Amino acid sequence: MIDYRDWQVPLGRRFRALKLWFVIRSFGVEGLQARIRQHVRLAREFAGWLREDPRFELAAPVTLGLVCFRHRGGDAMNQKLLDALNGSGTLLLSHTRLDDKLTLRFSIGQTNTQRSHVEHAWQAIQEAAGRLE
């Protein structure tokens, strides 16, 4: 038997609904939609910059504000790049393994993220890659 309560936003215990209510109340449905759409646009633009740079490849389709990519130099290069970027204090990337290859994850989702922030991150990634090659 399918329990449909597991397929929705939890609105029961511990005021879980209150968090969602505050977000919707603060931004409105249209405002929340606009922010999500902006993040999706920025992620797609970032993915476009990756496609234009022969040093990088997309590792998975862009999903909402998440871009999974890697340097074509292999796992060692991607680990060095990840360590350099995360150690810089400029931006923070997460990582995963896709097709048994180390993959960097760039997530766009902070409320006030603007195009200039994504451009700055892309510049930092390019500069770090250039120093490590």
N, C-alpha and C. Protein backbone atom coordinates (compact mmCIF):
# COMPACT_ATOMS: atom_id res chain seq x y z
N MET A 1 0.84 -1.18 0.00
CA MET A 1 0.00 0.00 0.00
C MET A 1 0.89 1.25 0.00
N ILE A 2 0.57 2.21 -0.83
CA ILE A 2 1.35 3.45 -0.92
C ILE A 2 0.85 4.42 0.14
N ASP A 3 1.78 4.97 0.89
CA ASP A 3 1.45 5.95 1.91
C ASP A 3 1.77 7.34 1.35
N TYR A 4 0.76 8.04 0.88
CA TYR A 4 0.96 9.32 0.19
C TYR A 4 1.46 10.44 1.10
N ARG A 5 1.40 10.25 2.38
CA ARG A 5 1.92 11.30 3.27
C ARG A 5 3.43 11.45 3.13
N ASP A 6 4.12 10.41 2.61
CA ASP A 6 5.56 10.48 2.41
C ASP A 6 5.92 11.18 1.10
N TRP A 7 4.93 11.58 0.32
CA TRP A 7 5.16 12.21 -0.97
C TRP A 7 4.88 13.70 -0.95
N GLN A 8 4.90 14.32 0.18
CA GLN A 8 4.56 15.74 0.27
C GLN A 8 5.50 16.44 1.24
N VAL A 9 5.38 17.74 1.31
CA VAL A 9 6.14 18.50 2.28
C VAL A 9 5.63 18.12 3.66
N PRO A 10 6.52 17.70 4.57
CA PRO A 10 6.05 17.31 5.91
C PRO A 10 5.42 18.50 6.62
N LEU A 11 4.18 18.37 6.95
CA LEU A 11 3.46 19.48 7.59
C LEU A 11 3.01 19.12 9.00
N GLY A 12 3.59 18.12 9.57
CA GLY A 12 3.15 17.65 10.88
C GLY A 12 4.00 18.13 12.01
N ARG A 13 4.78 17.24 12.53
CA ARG A 13 5.54 17.48 13.76
C ARG A 13 6.58 18.59 13.66
N ARG A 14 6.92 19.11 14.81
CA ARG A 14 8.01 20.06 15.03
C ARG A 14 7.97 21.30 14.15
N PHE A 15 6.82 21.78 13.87
CA PHE A 15 6.67 23.03 13.12
C PHE A 15 7.38 23.03 11.78
N ARG A 16 7.45 21.89 11.12
CA ARG A 16 8.09 21.84 9.82
C ARG A 16 7.37 22.75 8.83
N ALA A 17 6.08 22.82 8.94
CA ALA A 17 5.31 23.67 8.03
C ALA A 17 5.61 25.15 8.27
N LEU A 18 5.98 25.49 9.48
CA LEU A 18 6.24 26.88 9.81
C LEU A 18 7.40 27.44 8.98
N LYS A 19 8.44 26.63 8.76
CA LYS A 19 9.58 27.09 7.96
C LYS A 19 9.14 27.42 6.53
N LEU A 20 8.38 26.52 5.94
CA LEU A 20 7.88 26.76 4.59
C LEU A 20 6.93 27.96 4.56
N TRP A 21 6.09 28.06 5.55
CA TRP A 21 5.14 29.17 5.62
C TRP A 21 5.88 30.51 5.66
N PHE A 22 6.96 30.58 6.47
CA PHE A 22 7.72 31.82 6.56
C PHE A 22 8.38 32.19 5.23
N VAL A 23 8.90 31.20 4.52
CA VAL A 23 9.53 31.48 3.22
C VAL A 23 8.49 32.01 2.24
N ILE A 24 7.36 31.33 2.16
CA ILE A 24 6.30 31.78 1.24
C ILE A 24 5.76 33.13 1.68
N ARG A 25 5.61 33.32 2.96
CA ARG A 25 5.11 34.60 3.47
C ARG A 25 6.09 35.73 3.18
N SER A 26 7.37 35.44 3.27
CA SER A 26 8.39 36.46 3.06
C SER A 26 8.52 36.85 1.58
N PHE A 27 8.57 35.87 0.68
CA PHE A 27 8.80 36.14 -0.73
C PHE A 27 7.54 36.15 -1.56
N GLY A 28 6.50 35.48 -1.08
CA GLY A 28 5.31 35.27 -1.90
C GLY A 28 5.59 34.15 -2.87
N VAL A 29 4.56 33.53 -3.39
CA VAL A 29 4.75 32.43 -4.33
C VAL A 29 5.48 32.91 -5.58
N GLU A 30 5.06 34.05 -6.11
CA GLU A 30 5.70 34.57 -7.32
C GLU A 30 7.16 34.93 -7.06
N GLY A 31 7.45 35.51 -5.91
CA GLY A 31 8.83 35.87 -5.58
C GLY A 31 9.71 34.65 -5.42
N LEU A 32 9.18 33.61 -4.82
CA LEU A 32 9.92 32.37 -4.67
C LEU A 32 10.19 31.72 -6.03
N GLN A 33 9.16 31.74 -6.87
CA GLN A 33 9.32 31.20 -8.23
C GLN A 33 10.39 31.99 -9.00
N ALA A 34 10.38 33.30 -8.87
CA ALA A 34 11.35 34.14 -9.58
C ALA A 34 12.77 33.85 -9.13
N ARG A 35 12.97 33.64 -7.83
CA ARG A 35 14.31 33.34 -7.32
C ARG A 35 14.80 32.00 -7.85
N ILE A 36 13.94 31.00 -7.81
CA ILE A 36 14.31 29.67 -8.30
C ILE A 36 14.64 29.74 -9.79
N ARG A 37 13.82 30.46 -10.55
CA ARG A 37 14.07 30.59 -11.99
C ARG A 37 15.40 31.31 -12.25
N GLN A 38 15.70 32.31 -11.46
CA GLN A 38 16.97 33.02 -11.62
C GLN A 38 18.14 32.08 -11.35
N HIS A 39 18.04 31.25 -10.32
CA HIS A 39 19.11 30.31 -10.00
C HIS A 39 19.28 29.28 -11.12
N VAL A 40 18.19 28.83 -11.69
CA VAL A 40 18.26 27.88 -12.81
C VAL A 40 18.94 28.54 -14.01
N ARG A 41 18.58 29.78 -14.30
CA ARG A 41 19.22 30.51 -15.40
C ARG A 41 20.73 30.66 -15.18
N LEU A 42 21.11 31.02 -13.95
CA LEU A 42 22.52 31.19 -13.64
C LEU A 42 23.28 29.87 -13.77
N ALA A 43 22.67 28.78 -13.33
CA ALA A 43 23.32 27.47 -13.44
C ALA A 43 23.52 27.09 -14.90
N ARG A 44 22.54 27.37 -15.73
CA ARG A 44 22.67 27.06 -17.16
C ARG A 44 23.73 27.93 -17.81
N GLU A 45 23.81 29.18 -17.40
CA GLU A 45 24.84 30.06 -17.94
C GLU A 45 26.23 29.58 -17.52
N PHE A 46 26.37 29.19 -16.26
CA PHE A 46 27.64 28.65 -15.77
C PHE A 46 28.02 27.39 -16.56
N ALA A 47 27.05 26.52 -16.81
CA ALA A 47 27.30 25.31 -17.60
C ALA A 47 27.75 25.67 -19.02
N GLY A 48 27.19 26.73 -19.57
CA GLY A 48 27.61 27.19 -20.89
C GLY A 48 29.07 27.63 -20.91
N TRP A 49 29.49 28.31 -19.85
CA TRP A 49 30.90 28.72 -19.76
C TRP A 49 31.80 27.50 -19.68
N LEU A 50 31.37 26.48 -18.94
CA LEU A 50 32.14 25.24 -18.84
C LEU A 50 32.29 24.57 -20.20
N ARG A 51 31.18 24.53 -20.95
CA ARG A 51 31.20 23.90 -22.28
C ARG A 51 32.18 24.60 -23.23
N GLU A 52 32.33 25.91 -23.08
CA GLU A 52 33.22 26.68 -23.96
C GLU A 52 34.69 26.51 -23.61
N ASP A 53 34.99 26.03 -22.41
CA ASP A 53 36.38 25.87 -21.98
C ASP A 53 36.79 24.42 -22.20
N PRO A 54 37.76 24.16 -23.09
CA PRO A 54 38.13 22.78 -23.41
C PRO A 54 38.75 22.02 -22.23
N ARG A 55 39.13 22.71 -21.16
CA ARG A 55 39.72 22.04 -20.00
C ARG A 55 38.68 21.32 -19.16
N PHE A 56 37.40 21.70 -19.31
CA PHE A 56 36.35 21.18 -18.44
C PHE A 56 35.29 20.42 -19.22
N GLU A 57 34.55 19.59 -18.50
CA GLU A 57 33.42 18.88 -19.09
C GLU A 57 32.30 18.80 -18.06
N LEU A 58 31.07 18.81 -18.55
CA LEU A 58 29.92 18.59 -17.68
C LEU A 58 29.84 17.10 -17.41
N ALA A 59 29.60 16.74 -16.16
CA ALA A 59 29.55 15.33 -15.78
C ALA A 59 28.12 14.81 -15.72
N ALA A 60 27.15 15.71 -15.69
CA ALA A 60 25.74 15.33 -15.60
C ALA A 60 24.91 16.50 -16.10
N PRO A 61 23.67 16.23 -16.48
CA PRO A 61 22.80 17.34 -16.88
C PRO A 61 22.60 18.32 -15.71
N VAL A 62 22.47 19.59 -16.04
CA VAL A 62 22.23 20.61 -15.01
C VAL A 62 20.84 20.41 -14.43
N THR A 63 20.78 20.32 -13.11
CA THR A 63 19.52 20.11 -12.41
C THR A 63 19.28 21.29 -11.48
N LEU A 64 18.22 22.04 -11.75
CA LEU A 64 17.90 23.25 -11.00
C LEU A 64 19.16 24.10 -10.90
N GLY A 65 19.69 24.31 -9.70
CA GLY A 65 20.86 25.16 -9.54
C GLY A 65 22.14 24.38 -9.33
N LEU A 66 22.16 23.09 -9.65
CA LEU A 66 23.34 22.26 -9.42
C LEU A 66 24.04 21.93 -10.74
N VAL A 67 25.35 22.22 -10.78
CA VAL A 67 26.16 21.93 -11.96
C VAL A 67 27.28 20.97 -11.52
N CYS A 68 27.29 19.78 -12.09
CA CYS A 68 28.33 18.78 -11.83
C CYS A 68 29.31 18.80 -12.99
N PHE A 69 30.58 19.05 -12.69
CA PHE A 69 31.58 19.16 -13.74
C PHE A 69 32.90 18.61 -13.27
N ARG A 70 33.83 18.47 -14.19
CA ARG A 70 35.17 18.04 -13.82
C ARG A 70 36.19 18.59 -14.82
N HIS A 71 37.39 18.66 -14.35
CA HIS A 71 38.52 19.03 -15.19
C HIS A 71 38.90 17.77 -15.95
N ARG A 72 39.27 17.93 -17.20
CA ARG A 72 39.61 16.76 -18.03
C ARG A 72 40.96 16.14 -17.64
N GLY A 73 41.65 16.76 -16.70
CA GLY A 73 42.97 16.27 -16.28
C GLY A 73 42.95 15.06 -15.38
N GLY A 74 41.78 14.55 -15.03
CA GLY A 74 41.70 13.35 -14.20
C GLY A 74 41.43 13.64 -12.74
N ASP A 75 41.31 12.55 -11.98
CA ASP A 75 40.94 12.67 -10.56
C ASP A 75 41.95 13.47 -9.74
N ALA A 76 43.24 13.27 -9.99
CA ALA A 76 44.25 13.99 -9.21
C ALA A 76 44.12 15.49 -9.43
N MET A 77 43.92 15.89 -10.68
CA MET A 77 43.75 17.31 -10.99
C MET A 77 42.49 17.86 -10.35
N ASN A 78 41.40 17.10 -10.40
CA ASN A 78 40.15 17.56 -9.80
C ASN A 78 40.28 17.68 -8.28
N GLN A 79 41.02 16.78 -7.66
CA GLN A 79 41.22 16.88 -6.21
C GLN A 79 42.04 18.11 -5.86
N LYS A 80 43.10 18.37 -6.64
CA LYS A 80 43.91 19.57 -6.41
C LYS A 80 43.08 20.83 -6.60
N LEU A 81 42.26 20.83 -7.64
CA LEU A 81 41.41 22.00 -7.91
C LEU A 81 40.41 22.20 -6.77
N LEU A 82 39.79 21.13 -6.33
CA LEU A 82 38.84 21.20 -5.21
C LEU A 82 39.51 21.74 -3.96
N ASP A 83 40.68 21.19 -3.63
CA ASP A 83 41.40 21.63 -2.44
C ASP A 83 41.82 23.10 -2.53
N ALA A 84 42.30 23.50 -3.71
CA ALA A 84 42.73 24.89 -3.89
C ALA A 84 41.56 25.86 -3.75
N LEU A 85 40.44 25.54 -4.38
CA LEU A 85 39.28 26.44 -4.33
C LEU A 85 38.68 26.50 -2.92
N ASN A 86 38.50 25.34 -2.31
CA ASN A 86 37.90 25.32 -0.97
C ASN A 86 38.83 25.94 0.06
N GLY A 87 40.14 25.81 -0.15
CA GLY A 87 41.10 26.40 0.77
C GLY A 87 41.27 27.90 0.60
N SER A 88 40.80 28.42 -0.52
CA SER A 88 40.97 29.85 -0.80
C SER A 88 40.04 30.73 0.02
N GLY A 89 38.93 30.17 0.46
CA GLY A 89 37.94 30.97 1.18
C GLY A 89 37.07 31.79 0.26
N THR A 90 37.28 31.69 -1.04
CA THR A 90 36.51 32.45 -2.02
C THR A 90 35.19 31.77 -2.34
N LEU A 91 35.23 30.46 -2.51
CA LEU A 91 34.02 29.70 -2.77
C LEU A 91 34.18 28.30 -2.21
N LEU A 92 33.07 27.60 -2.13
CA LEU A 92 33.08 26.26 -1.57
C LEU A 92 32.36 25.33 -2.53
N LEU A 93 33.09 24.35 -3.03
CA LEU A 93 32.51 23.34 -3.91
C LEU A 93 32.37 22.05 -3.12
N SER A 94 31.35 21.29 -3.44
CA SER A 94 31.26 19.94 -2.90
C SER A 94 31.70 18.98 -4.00
N HIS A 95 31.72 17.71 -3.70
CA HIS A 95 32.17 16.74 -4.70
C HIS A 95 31.40 15.44 -4.56
N THR A 96 31.50 14.62 -5.58
CA THR A 96 30.89 13.30 -5.59
C THR A 96 31.67 12.45 -6.58
N ARG A 97 31.26 11.21 -6.74
CA ARG A 97 31.85 10.34 -7.75
C ARG A 97 30.75 9.95 -8.72
N LEU A 98 30.96 10.24 -10.00
CA LEU A 98 30.06 9.84 -11.07
C LEU A 98 30.85 9.02 -12.06
N ASP A 99 30.34 7.89 -12.45
CA ASP A 99 31.06 6.99 -13.35
C ASP A 99 32.47 6.71 -12.82
N ASP A 100 32.57 6.60 -11.51
CA ASP A 100 33.82 6.33 -10.80
C ASP A 100 34.90 7.39 -11.05
N LYS A 101 34.44 8.64 -11.31
CA LYS A 101 35.36 9.76 -11.49
C LYS A 101 34.99 10.85 -10.49
N LEU A 102 36.01 11.47 -9.91
CA LEU A 102 35.78 12.57 -9.00
C LEU A 102 35.11 13.72 -9.75
N THR A 103 34.01 14.19 -9.23
CA THR A 103 33.22 15.22 -9.89
C THR A 103 33.00 16.38 -8.93
N LEU A 104 33.20 17.59 -9.41
CA LEU A 104 33.00 18.80 -8.61
C LEU A 104 31.55 19.26 -8.77
N ARG A 105 31.00 19.78 -7.69
CA ARG A 105 29.60 20.22 -7.69
C ARG A 105 29.53 21.70 -7.32
N PHE A 106 28.93 22.47 -8.19
CA PHE A 106 28.74 23.91 -7.97
C PHE A 106 27.25 24.14 -7.82
N SER A 107 26.84 24.63 -6.67
CA SER A 107 25.42 24.80 -6.38
C SER A 107 25.08 26.27 -6.25
N ILE A 108 24.04 26.67 -6.96
CA ILE A 108 23.54 28.05 -6.90
C ILE A 108 22.18 28.00 -6.23
N GLY A 109 22.07 28.59 -5.05
CA GLY A 109 20.79 28.52 -4.36
C GLY A 109 20.65 29.51 -3.22
N GLN A 110 21.69 30.25 -2.92
CA GLN A 110 21.60 31.23 -1.84
C GLN A 110 20.67 32.35 -2.28
N THR A 111 19.88 32.84 -1.37
CA THR A 111 18.84 33.81 -1.67
C THR A 111 19.33 35.01 -2.47
N ASN A 112 20.46 35.56 -2.13
CA ASN A 112 20.92 36.80 -2.76
C ASN A 112 21.95 36.60 -3.86
N THR A 113 22.11 35.39 -4.36
CA THR A 113 23.09 35.13 -5.41
C THR A 113 22.73 35.90 -6.68
N GLN A 114 23.73 36.59 -7.22
CA GLN A 114 23.56 37.34 -8.45
C GLN A 114 24.56 36.85 -9.49
N ARG A 115 24.38 37.31 -10.71
CA ARG A 115 25.26 36.89 -11.80
C ARG A 115 26.72 37.22 -11.48
N SER A 116 26.96 38.35 -10.86
CA SER A 116 28.34 38.75 -10.54
C SER A 116 29.02 37.74 -9.61
N HIS A 117 28.25 37.12 -8.71
CA HIS A 117 28.82 36.10 -7.82
C HIS A 117 29.23 34.86 -8.63
N VAL A 118 28.40 34.47 -9.57
CA VAL A 118 28.69 33.30 -10.39
C VAL A 118 29.88 33.59 -11.30
N GLU A 119 29.96 34.80 -11.85
CA GLU A 119 31.10 35.20 -12.67
C GLU A 119 32.39 35.14 -11.86
N HIS A 120 32.33 35.66 -10.64
CA HIS A 120 33.50 35.65 -9.76
C HIS A 120 33.95 34.21 -9.47
N ALA A 121 32.99 33.32 -9.21
CA ALA A 121 33.32 31.91 -8.98
C ALA A 121 33.98 31.29 -10.20
N TRP A 122 33.43 31.58 -11.39
CA TRP A 122 33.99 31.04 -12.62
C TRP A 122 35.42 31.53 -12.83
N GLN A 123 35.67 32.80 -12.56
CA GLN A 123 37.03 33.35 -12.67
C GLN A 123 37.97 32.64 -11.70
N ALA A 124 37.51 32.41 -10.49
CA ALA A 124 38.34 31.73 -9.49
C ALA A 124 38.66 30.30 -9.93
N ILE A 125 37.69 29.62 -10.52
CA ILE A 125 37.90 28.25 -11.01
C ILE A 125 38.91 28.25 -12.15
N GLN A 126 38.75 29.18 -13.07
CA GLN A 126 39.68 29.26 -14.21
C GLN A 126 41.10 29.58 -13.74
N GLU A 127 41.23 30.53 -12.83
CA GLU A 127 42.57 30.92 -12.34
C GLU A 127 43.23 29.77 -11.59
N ALA A 128 42.47 29.08 -10.75
CA ALA A 128 43.03 27.96 -10.00
C ALA A 128 43.45 26.84 -10.94
N ALA A 129 42.63 26.56 -11.94
CA ALA A 129 42.97 25.53 -12.92
C ALA A 129 44.24 25.92 -13.68
N GLY A 130 44.36 27.19 -14.05
CA GLY A 130 45.55 27.65 -14.75
C GLY A 130 46.82 27.52 -13.92
N ARG A 131 46.73 27.79 -12.63
CA ARG A 131 47.89 27.67 -11.74
C ARG A 131 48.31 26.21 -11.55
N LEU A 132 47.33 25.32 -11.57
CA LEU A 132 47.62 23.90 -11.28
C LEU A 132 48.06 23.10 -12.50
N GLU A 133 47.83 23.62 -13.69
CA GLU A 133 48.15 22.86 -14.91
C GLU A 133 49.64 22.86 -15.18
